[in-house]
Amino acid sequence: MKKTIATLIAGLFATAAFAQAPAPAAATPAAAKAEMKETKAAAKADVKETKAVARADVKEAKAEAKETKKEAKADVKQAKAEHKATKATKATKATKVATK
């Protein structure tokens, strides 16, 4: 019984202390609206920045693809020239062997 009474008294003191604490300040609608505007503006700026970065990445990737394509064409051209030279060399050797 003593424990029950002690618990009740402690509960009363706790509620009394809580009741005396100042209530949290409620945000006014104007302040909430201003905060929402700031958040929205920050989000828009982030989106703009992200889009700009993405566009730059795409542009860079296109330039790299173009350069790679040029290099591939040059490699093919060189390989064809080497093949033609090798073919001509083999033909020359075959002609020399046939004329002996």
Protein backbone atom coordinates (compact mmCIF):
# COMPACT_ATOMS: atom_id res chain seq x y z
CA MET A 1 0.00 0.00 0.00
CA LYS A 2 2.86 2.36 0.81
CA LYS A 3 4.35 1.72 -2.62
CA THR A 4 1.05 2.49 -4.32
CA ILE A 5 0.66 5.77 -2.45
CA ALA A 6 4.28 6.68 -3.20
CA THR A 7 3.70 5.97 -6.91
CA LEU A 8 0.55 8.11 -6.95
CA ILE A 9 2.34 11.00 -5.24
CA ALA A 10 5.29 10.72 -7.65
CA GLY A 11 2.82 10.75 -10.56
CA LEU A 12 1.19 13.91 -9.21
CA PHE A 13 4.55 15.65 -8.92
CA ALA A 14 5.44 14.59 -12.45
CA THR A 15 2.19 15.91 -13.91
CA ALA A 16 2.55 19.14 -11.96
CA ALA A 17 6.07 19.64 -13.35
CA PHE A 18 4.89 18.89 -16.87
CA ALA A 19 1.97 21.28 -16.55
CA GLN A 20 4.32 24.13 -15.58
CA ALA A 21 6.62 23.63 -18.60
CA PRO A 22 6.05 26.23 -21.28
CA ALA A 23 4.13 24.98 -24.27
CA PRO A 24 6.10 24.68 -27.49
CA ALA A 25 5.67 27.67 -29.73
CA ALA A 26 3.26 26.89 -32.51
CA ALA A 27 4.47 27.87 -35.95
CA THR A 28 2.46 30.64 -37.46
CA PRO A 29 1.02 30.03 -40.90
CA ALA A 30 3.10 32.86 -42.36
CA ALA A 31 6.32 31.39 -40.96
CA ALA A 32 5.40 27.94 -42.24
CA LYS A 33 4.65 29.42 -45.66
CA ALA A 34 7.99 31.23 -45.75
CA GLU A 35 9.84 28.08 -44.72
CA MET A 36 8.01 26.13 -47.42
CA LYS A 37 9.02 28.73 -50.03
CA GLU A 38 12.66 28.47 -48.98
CA THR A 39 12.55 24.70 -49.12
CA LYS A 40 10.91 24.80 -52.53
CA ALA A 41 13.50 27.27 -53.84
CA ALA A 42 16.33 25.11 -52.54
CA ALA A 43 14.81 22.03 -54.15
CA LYS A 44 14.46 23.87 -57.47
CA ALA A 45 18.08 24.98 -57.29
CA ASP A 46 19.16 21.40 -56.62
CA VAL A 47 17.15 20.15 -59.57
CA LYS A 48 18.66 22.83 -61.82
CA GLU A 49 22.16 21.93 -60.72
CA THR A 50 21.53 18.22 -61.20
CA LYS A 51 20.16 18.83 -64.69
CA ALA A 52 23.18 20.95 -65.59
CA VAL A 53 25.55 18.25 -64.38
CA ALA A 54 23.61 15.59 -66.29
CA ARG A 55 23.70 17.67 -69.47
CA ALA A 56 27.44 18.18 -69.12
CA ASP A 57 27.92 14.44 -68.61
CA VAL A 58 25.86 13.65 -71.71
CA LYS A 59 27.81 16.19 -73.75
CA GLU A 60 31.10 14.71 -72.57
CA ALA A 61 29.94 11.17 -73.31
CA LYS A 62 28.91 12.20 -76.84
CA ALA A 63 32.30 13.81 -77.44
CA GLU A 64 34.07 10.67 -76.19
CA ALA A 65 31.90 8.49 -78.44
CA LYS A 66 32.70 10.70 -81.42
CA GLU A 67 36.42 10.51 -80.68
CA THR A 68 36.26 6.73 -80.26
CA LYS A 69 34.42 6.42 -83.57
CA LYS A 70 37.12 8.49 -85.31
CA GLU A 71 39.84 6.32 -83.79
CA ALA A 72 38.02 3.15 -84.86
CA LYS A 73 37.72 4.44 -88.43
CA ALA A 74 41.43 5.29 -88.47
CA ASP A 75 42.28 1.81 -87.15
CA VAL A 76 40.14 0.17 -89.84
CA LYS A 77 41.74 2.31 -92.53
CA GLN A 78 45.22 1.40 -91.28
CA ALA A 79 44.35 -2.30 -91.10
CA LYS A 80 43.05 -2.23 -94.68
CA ALA A 81 46.24 -0.51 -95.84
CA GLU A 82 48.38 -3.10 -94.04
CA HIS A 83 46.32 -5.91 -95.51
CA LYS A 84 46.69 -4.43 -99.00
CA ALA A 85 50.47 -4.09 -98.53
CA THR A 86 50.74 -7.66 -97.24
CA LYS A 87 48.68 -8.91 -100.17
CA ALA A 88 50.90 -7.02 -102.61
CA THR A 89 54.03 -8.42 -100.96
CA LYS A 90 52.70 -11.97 -101.21
CA ALA A 91 51.83 -11.42 -104.87
CA THR A 92 55.33 -10.07 -105.56
CA LYS A 93 56.93 -13.06 -103.84
CA ALA A 94 54.66 -15.44 -105.76
CA THR A 95 55.61 -13.75 -109.03
CA LYS A 96 59.34 -13.98 -108.20
CA VAL A 97 59.01 -17.66 -107.30
CA ALA A 98 57.07 -18.35 -110.50
CA THR A 99 59.63 -16.54 -112.72
CA LYS A 100 62.63 -18.47 -111.34
